[in-house]
Amino acid sequence: MGPCCAVYARCELTEGLLDKMASYLADASRPQVRLPRGREWSIWVLGRPVSVRVERTQDVLWDCEDELLELGLLPETAPFRVVLCAGCNSHEDYELLRRLSADLAWLLDGTPTEPTK
C-alpha cells in the first residue's frame, strides 16, 4: 500500500455532492469508468491504482482528531472527509494524490492534507 491523504470538506454531505465526486473521479480515471453510487471507489489514474472513500468525520474521530486539530478544524466545521490512498509507493503516487486532493478540495470547499505513508 502506498501513501494516503484526506480532504476535510466544509459542506454537508449530500447525494448530489457524492454524484459530483463520482463524476470527477470517473473523468480523472483512465480508462474512463462509470462509477457506481456509493461512498467507495477504486480507480486507475495515469496507470496508477487509487482507492477513495468518504467518511463522516464524527464516525472516524478516533482516527482523525489530531489531524483536525493540526488543520484548525472541528468536526462541526468539517462534517466529512474523503480519504485517498495510492496502491503504489513512488514519487508519482504522492504527486497524483496531491493533484486529486487539491481538485477535490476545490470541489468540496475543503482542506487537503499532505500524502503520508
N, C-alpha and C. Protein backbone atom coordinates (compact mmCIF):
# COMPACT_ATOMS: atom_id res chain seq x y z
N MET A 1 0.84 -1.18 0.00
CA MET A 1 0.00 0.00 0.00
C MET A 1 0.88 1.24 0.00
N GLY A 2 0.45 2.24 -0.70
CA GLY A 2 1.20 3.48 -0.82
C GLY A 2 0.71 4.54 0.14
N PRO A 3 1.00 5.79 -0.17
CA PRO A 3 0.62 6.90 0.70
C PRO A 3 -0.89 7.14 0.68
N CYS A 4 -1.34 7.83 1.72
CA CYS A 4 -2.75 8.23 1.84
C CYS A 4 -2.82 9.71 2.21
N CYS A 5 -3.91 10.34 1.87
CA CYS A 5 -4.18 11.71 2.30
C CYS A 5 -5.69 11.86 2.43
N ALA A 6 -6.11 13.02 2.89
CA ALA A 6 -7.54 13.26 3.08
C ALA A 6 -7.89 14.68 2.67
N VAL A 7 -9.16 14.87 2.38
CA VAL A 7 -9.72 16.20 2.17
C VAL A 7 -10.86 16.34 3.17
N TYR A 8 -10.77 17.34 4.04
CA TYR A 8 -11.82 17.62 5.00
C TYR A 8 -12.75 18.66 4.41
N ALA A 9 -13.98 18.25 4.15
CA ALA A 9 -14.96 19.12 3.49
C ALA A 9 -15.64 20.03 4.49
N ARG A 10 -15.92 21.26 4.03
CA ARG A 10 -16.61 22.23 4.89
C ARG A 10 -18.09 22.35 4.57
N CYS A 11 -18.60 21.41 3.81
CA CYS A 11 -20.02 21.44 3.47
C CYS A 11 -20.66 20.13 3.91
N GLU A 12 -21.97 20.10 3.91
CA GLU A 12 -22.69 18.89 4.30
C GLU A 12 -22.63 17.86 3.18
N LEU A 13 -22.60 16.61 3.56
CA LEU A 13 -22.57 15.50 2.60
C LEU A 13 -23.99 15.26 2.08
N THR A 14 -24.15 15.36 0.77
CA THR A 14 -25.44 15.12 0.14
C THR A 14 -25.25 14.14 -1.01
N GLU A 15 -26.34 13.57 -1.48
CA GLU A 15 -26.27 12.66 -2.64
C GLU A 15 -25.77 13.41 -3.87
N GLY A 16 -26.16 14.66 -4.01
CA GLY A 16 -25.69 15.47 -5.14
C GLY A 16 -24.19 15.66 -5.10
N LEU A 17 -23.66 15.88 -3.92
CA LEU A 17 -22.21 16.04 -3.77
C LEU A 17 -21.48 14.73 -4.04
N LEU A 18 -22.04 13.62 -3.59
CA LEU A 18 -21.46 12.31 -3.90
C LEU A 18 -21.44 12.08 -5.40
N ASP A 19 -22.51 12.48 -6.09
CA ASP A 19 -22.56 12.35 -7.54
C ASP A 19 -21.48 13.20 -8.21
N LYS A 20 -21.26 14.43 -7.70
CA LYS A 20 -20.21 15.29 -8.26
C LYS A 20 -18.83 14.67 -8.07
N MET A 21 -18.58 14.11 -6.88
CA MET A 21 -17.30 13.46 -6.63
C MET A 21 -17.11 12.27 -7.56
N ALA A 22 -18.15 11.46 -7.70
CA ALA A 22 -18.07 10.28 -8.58
C ALA A 22 -17.83 10.71 -10.02
N SER A 23 -18.46 11.78 -10.44
CA SER A 23 -18.26 12.28 -11.80
C SER A 23 -16.83 12.76 -12.00
N TYR A 24 -16.30 13.51 -11.03
CA TYR A 24 -14.92 13.96 -11.12
C TYR A 24 -13.96 12.78 -11.19
N LEU A 25 -14.15 11.79 -10.30
CA LEU A 25 -13.26 10.63 -10.27
C LEU A 25 -13.37 9.81 -11.54
N ALA A 26 -14.57 9.70 -12.09
CA ALA A 26 -14.74 8.98 -13.35
C ALA A 26 -14.00 9.70 -14.47
N ASP A 27 -14.08 11.03 -14.50
CA ASP A 27 -13.37 11.81 -15.52
C ASP A 27 -11.86 11.70 -15.35
N ALA A 28 -11.38 11.60 -14.11
CA ALA A 28 -9.94 11.53 -13.84
C ALA A 28 -9.37 10.16 -14.15
N SER A 29 -10.21 9.12 -14.16
CA SER A 29 -9.71 7.76 -14.33
C SER A 29 -9.45 7.43 -15.79
N ARG A 30 -8.49 6.60 -16.00
CA ARG A 30 -8.14 6.10 -17.34
C ARG A 30 -7.87 4.62 -17.22
N PRO A 31 -8.55 3.76 -17.92
CA PRO A 31 -9.63 4.13 -18.83
C PRO A 31 -10.81 4.69 -18.05
N GLN A 32 -11.54 5.55 -18.72
CA GLN A 32 -12.65 6.21 -18.05
C GLN A 32 -13.71 5.17 -17.68
N VAL A 33 -14.20 5.26 -16.47
CA VAL A 33 -15.18 4.30 -15.98
C VAL A 33 -16.41 5.03 -15.45
N ARG A 34 -17.49 4.31 -15.43
CA ARG A 34 -18.69 4.83 -14.77
C ARG A 34 -18.68 4.24 -13.37
N LEU A 35 -18.63 5.10 -12.39
CA LEU A 35 -18.53 4.63 -11.01
C LEU A 35 -19.91 4.38 -10.42
N PRO A 36 -20.03 3.33 -9.63
CA PRO A 36 -21.32 3.04 -9.01
C PRO A 36 -21.63 4.07 -7.92
N ARG A 37 -22.91 4.19 -7.59
CA ARG A 37 -23.29 5.04 -6.47
C ARG A 37 -22.69 4.43 -5.20
N GLY A 38 -22.35 5.27 -4.29
CA GLY A 38 -21.80 4.76 -3.04
C GLY A 38 -20.81 5.74 -2.45
N ARG A 39 -19.98 5.23 -1.57
CA ARG A 39 -19.01 6.07 -0.88
C ARG A 39 -17.60 5.51 -0.98
N GLU A 40 -17.39 4.49 -1.81
CA GLU A 40 -16.07 3.92 -2.01
C GLU A 40 -15.87 3.62 -3.48
N TRP A 41 -14.69 3.98 -3.98
CA TRP A 41 -14.37 3.75 -5.37
C TRP A 41 -12.93 3.27 -5.51
N SER A 42 -12.69 2.46 -6.50
CA SER A 42 -11.34 2.07 -6.88
C SER A 42 -11.17 2.47 -8.34
N ILE A 43 -10.15 3.29 -8.60
CA ILE A 43 -9.93 3.79 -9.96
C ILE A 43 -8.46 3.65 -10.33
N TRP A 44 -8.19 3.80 -11.60
CA TRP A 44 -6.82 3.87 -12.11
C TRP A 44 -6.65 5.25 -12.73
N VAL A 45 -5.63 5.97 -12.30
CA VAL A 45 -5.34 7.30 -12.82
C VAL A 45 -3.89 7.29 -13.30
N LEU A 46 -3.70 7.59 -14.57
CA LEU A 46 -2.36 7.58 -15.16
C LEU A 46 -1.64 6.26 -14.91
N GLY A 47 -2.40 5.17 -14.99
CA GLY A 47 -1.83 3.84 -14.81
C GLY A 47 -1.52 3.47 -13.37
N ARG A 48 -2.04 4.24 -12.41
CA ARG A 48 -1.77 4.00 -11.00
C ARG A 48 -3.08 3.74 -10.27
N PRO A 49 -3.13 2.71 -9.41
CA PRO A 49 -4.37 2.43 -8.67
C PRO A 49 -4.56 3.40 -7.50
N VAL A 50 -5.79 3.84 -7.33
CA VAL A 50 -6.15 4.75 -6.24
C VAL A 50 -7.48 4.30 -5.66
N SER A 51 -7.55 4.23 -4.35
CA SER A 51 -8.84 3.96 -3.70
C SER A 51 -9.31 5.24 -3.01
N VAL A 52 -10.62 5.43 -3.04
CA VAL A 52 -11.23 6.65 -2.50
C VAL A 52 -12.43 6.23 -1.66
N ARG A 53 -12.53 6.81 -0.46
CA ARG A 53 -13.70 6.54 0.37
C ARG A 53 -14.12 7.82 1.10
N VAL A 54 -15.41 7.92 1.32
CA VAL A 54 -15.99 9.07 2.01
C VAL A 54 -16.43 8.60 3.39
N GLU A 55 -16.05 9.38 4.40
CA GLU A 55 -16.38 9.02 5.79
C GLU A 55 -16.90 10.24 6.53
N ARG A 56 -17.92 10.04 7.33
CA ARG A 56 -18.39 11.12 8.21
C ARG A 56 -17.36 11.32 9.31
N THR A 57 -16.98 12.55 9.53
CA THR A 57 -15.92 12.85 10.50
C THR A 57 -16.26 12.32 11.89
N GLN A 58 -17.49 12.49 12.31
CA GLN A 58 -17.90 12.01 13.64
C GLN A 58 -17.66 10.51 13.81
N ASP A 59 -17.79 9.76 12.71
CA ASP A 59 -17.64 8.31 12.77
C ASP A 59 -16.18 7.86 12.86
N VAL A 60 -15.25 8.74 12.52
CA VAL A 60 -13.82 8.37 12.49
C VAL A 60 -12.95 9.30 13.33
N LEU A 61 -13.55 9.94 14.33
CA LEU A 61 -12.78 10.86 15.18
C LEU A 61 -11.57 10.19 15.80
N TRP A 62 -11.67 8.93 16.15
CA TRP A 62 -10.56 8.18 16.73
C TRP A 62 -9.34 8.21 15.80
N ASP A 63 -9.59 8.33 14.49
CA ASP A 63 -8.53 8.28 13.50
C ASP A 63 -8.05 9.66 13.05
N CYS A 64 -8.89 10.68 13.20
CA CYS A 64 -8.55 11.96 12.59
C CYS A 64 -8.53 13.15 13.53
N GLU A 65 -8.73 12.93 14.81
CA GLU A 65 -8.81 14.04 15.77
C GLU A 65 -7.54 14.91 15.75
N ASP A 66 -6.37 14.29 15.75
CA ASP A 66 -5.12 15.04 15.73
C ASP A 66 -4.97 15.84 14.43
N GLU A 67 -5.34 15.21 13.33
CA GLU A 67 -5.24 15.88 12.04
C GLU A 67 -6.17 17.09 11.98
N LEU A 68 -7.38 16.95 12.49
CA LEU A 68 -8.31 18.08 12.54
C LEU A 68 -7.72 19.23 13.34
N LEU A 69 -7.14 18.92 14.50
CA LEU A 69 -6.53 19.96 15.34
C LEU A 69 -5.39 20.66 14.60
N GLU A 70 -4.55 19.89 13.91
CA GLU A 70 -3.44 20.48 13.15
C GLU A 70 -3.94 21.42 12.07
N LEU A 71 -5.08 21.10 11.48
CA LEU A 71 -5.65 21.93 10.41
C LEU A 71 -6.51 23.07 10.95
N GLY A 72 -6.73 23.09 12.28
CA GLY A 72 -7.57 24.13 12.87
C GLY A 72 -9.04 23.92 12.59
N LEU A 73 -9.45 22.67 12.45
CA LEU A 73 -10.84 22.35 12.14
C LEU A 73 -11.49 21.62 13.31
N LEU A 74 -12.80 21.68 13.35
CA LEU A 74 -13.60 20.93 14.31
C LEU A 74 -14.50 19.98 13.53
N PRO A 75 -14.97 18.92 14.15
CA PRO A 75 -15.88 18.02 13.44
C PRO A 75 -17.12 18.74 12.89
N GLU A 76 -17.56 19.78 13.59
CA GLU A 76 -18.72 20.53 13.12
C GLU A 76 -18.42 21.36 11.87
N THR A 77 -17.17 21.79 11.71
CA THR A 77 -16.82 22.61 10.55
C THR A 77 -16.32 21.77 9.38
N ALA A 78 -16.05 20.49 9.63
CA ALA A 78 -15.63 19.56 8.59
C ALA A 78 -16.45 18.28 8.76
N PRO A 79 -17.70 18.28 8.30
CA PRO A 79 -18.59 17.15 8.59
C PRO A 79 -18.20 15.81 7.96
N PHE A 80 -17.39 15.84 6.89
CA PHE A 80 -16.93 14.58 6.33
C PHE A 80 -15.56 14.76 5.70
N ARG A 81 -14.93 13.61 5.45
CA ARG A 81 -13.63 13.63 4.78
C ARG A 81 -13.63 12.62 3.66
N VAL A 82 -12.78 12.89 2.69
CA VAL A 82 -12.55 11.98 1.58
C VAL A 82 -11.13 11.48 1.74
N VAL A 83 -10.95 10.18 1.87
CA VAL A 83 -9.64 9.57 2.04
C VAL A 83 -9.21 8.98 0.71
N LEU A 84 -8.00 9.35 0.27
CA LEU A 84 -7.43 8.83 -0.97
C LEU A 84 -6.17 8.05 -0.64
N CYS A 85 -6.07 6.84 -1.16
CA CYS A 85 -4.88 6.00 -0.93
C CYS A 85 -4.37 5.48 -2.26
N ALA A 86 -3.08 5.61 -2.45
CA ALA A 86 -2.44 5.09 -3.66
C ALA A 86 -2.09 3.63 -3.44
N GLY A 87 -2.13 2.87 -4.50
CA GLY A 87 -1.81 1.46 -4.41
C GLY A 87 -0.33 1.17 -4.51
N CYS A 88 0.46 2.17 -4.93
CA CYS A 88 1.90 2.01 -5.07
C CYS A 88 2.59 3.11 -4.26
N ASN A 89 3.91 3.02 -4.16
CA ASN A 89 4.63 3.94 -3.28
C ASN A 89 5.80 4.61 -3.99
N SER A 90 5.52 5.30 -5.09
CA SER A 90 6.58 6.01 -5.79
C SER A 90 6.30 7.52 -5.73
N HIS A 91 7.25 8.29 -6.19
CA HIS A 91 7.09 9.75 -6.25
C HIS A 91 5.83 10.12 -7.02
N GLU A 92 5.55 9.40 -8.10
CA GLU A 92 4.37 9.69 -8.93
C GLU A 92 3.07 9.53 -8.12
N ASP A 93 3.06 8.57 -7.21
CA ASP A 93 1.85 8.35 -6.41
C ASP A 93 1.60 9.51 -5.45
N TYR A 94 2.64 10.03 -4.85
CA TYR A 94 2.49 11.20 -3.97
C TYR A 94 1.98 12.40 -4.77
N GLU A 95 2.55 12.62 -5.95
CA GLU A 95 2.12 13.75 -6.78
C GLU A 95 0.68 13.58 -7.26
N LEU A 96 0.33 12.36 -7.61
CA LEU A 96 -1.04 12.08 -8.04
C LEU A 96 -2.03 12.38 -6.92
N LEU A 97 -1.73 11.94 -5.71
CA LEU A 97 -2.62 12.22 -4.58
C LEU A 97 -2.72 13.71 -4.29
N ARG A 98 -1.62 14.42 -4.43
CA ARG A 98 -1.66 15.88 -4.23
C ARG A 98 -2.61 16.54 -5.23
N ARG A 99 -2.53 16.11 -6.48
CA ARG A 99 -3.38 16.70 -7.53
C ARG A 99 -4.85 16.36 -7.29
N LEU A 100 -5.13 15.08 -7.03
CA LEU A 100 -6.52 14.67 -6.80
C LEU A 100 -7.10 15.36 -5.56
N SER A 101 -6.32 15.43 -4.48
CA SER A 101 -6.84 16.05 -3.25
C SER A 101 -7.05 17.55 -3.43
N ALA A 102 -6.19 18.20 -4.19
CA ALA A 102 -6.38 19.64 -4.46
C ALA A 102 -7.65 19.87 -5.26
N ASP A 103 -7.89 19.04 -6.26
CA ASP A 103 -9.11 19.17 -7.07
C ASP A 103 -10.36 18.92 -6.23
N LEU A 104 -10.31 17.87 -5.40
CA LEU A 104 -11.47 17.57 -4.55
C LEU A 104 -11.66 18.66 -3.49
N ALA A 105 -10.58 19.22 -2.98
CA ALA A 105 -10.70 20.31 -2.01
C ALA A 105 -11.41 21.50 -2.63
N TRP A 106 -11.10 21.79 -3.86
CA TRP A 106 -11.78 22.89 -4.56
C TRP A 106 -13.26 22.57 -4.72
N LEU A 107 -13.56 21.35 -5.13
CA LEU A 107 -14.94 20.92 -5.35
C LEU A 107 -15.76 20.94 -4.06
N LEU A 108 -15.12 20.62 -2.94
CA LEU A 108 -15.82 20.46 -1.66
C LEU A 108 -15.64 21.63 -0.71
N ASP A 109 -14.99 22.70 -1.16
CA ASP A 109 -14.63 23.80 -0.27
C ASP A 109 -13.95 23.21 0.96
N GLY A 110 -12.95 22.38 0.70
CA GLY A 110 -12.30 21.65 1.77
C GLY A 110 -10.83 21.95 1.94
N THR A 111 -10.22 21.24 2.87
CA THR A 111 -8.81 21.38 3.19
C THR A 111 -8.13 20.05 2.97
N PRO A 112 -7.14 20.00 2.07
CA PRO A 112 -6.44 18.74 1.82
C PRO A 112 -5.26 18.57 2.79
N THR A 113 -4.89 17.32 3.02
CA THR A 113 -3.71 17.02 3.81
C THR A 113 -2.60 16.53 2.85
N GLU A 114 -1.40 16.53 3.34
CA GLU A 114 -0.26 16.01 2.56
C GLU A 114 -0.30 14.48 2.57
N PRO A 115 0.02 13.85 1.44
CA PRO A 115 0.11 12.39 1.43
C PRO A 115 1.24 11.91 2.36
N THR A 116 0.93 10.89 3.15
CA THR A 116 1.93 10.28 4.03
C THR A 116 1.78 8.77 3.96
N LYS A 117 2.83 8.12 4.32
CA LYS A 117 2.83 6.65 4.35
C LYS A 117 2.51 6.18 5.74
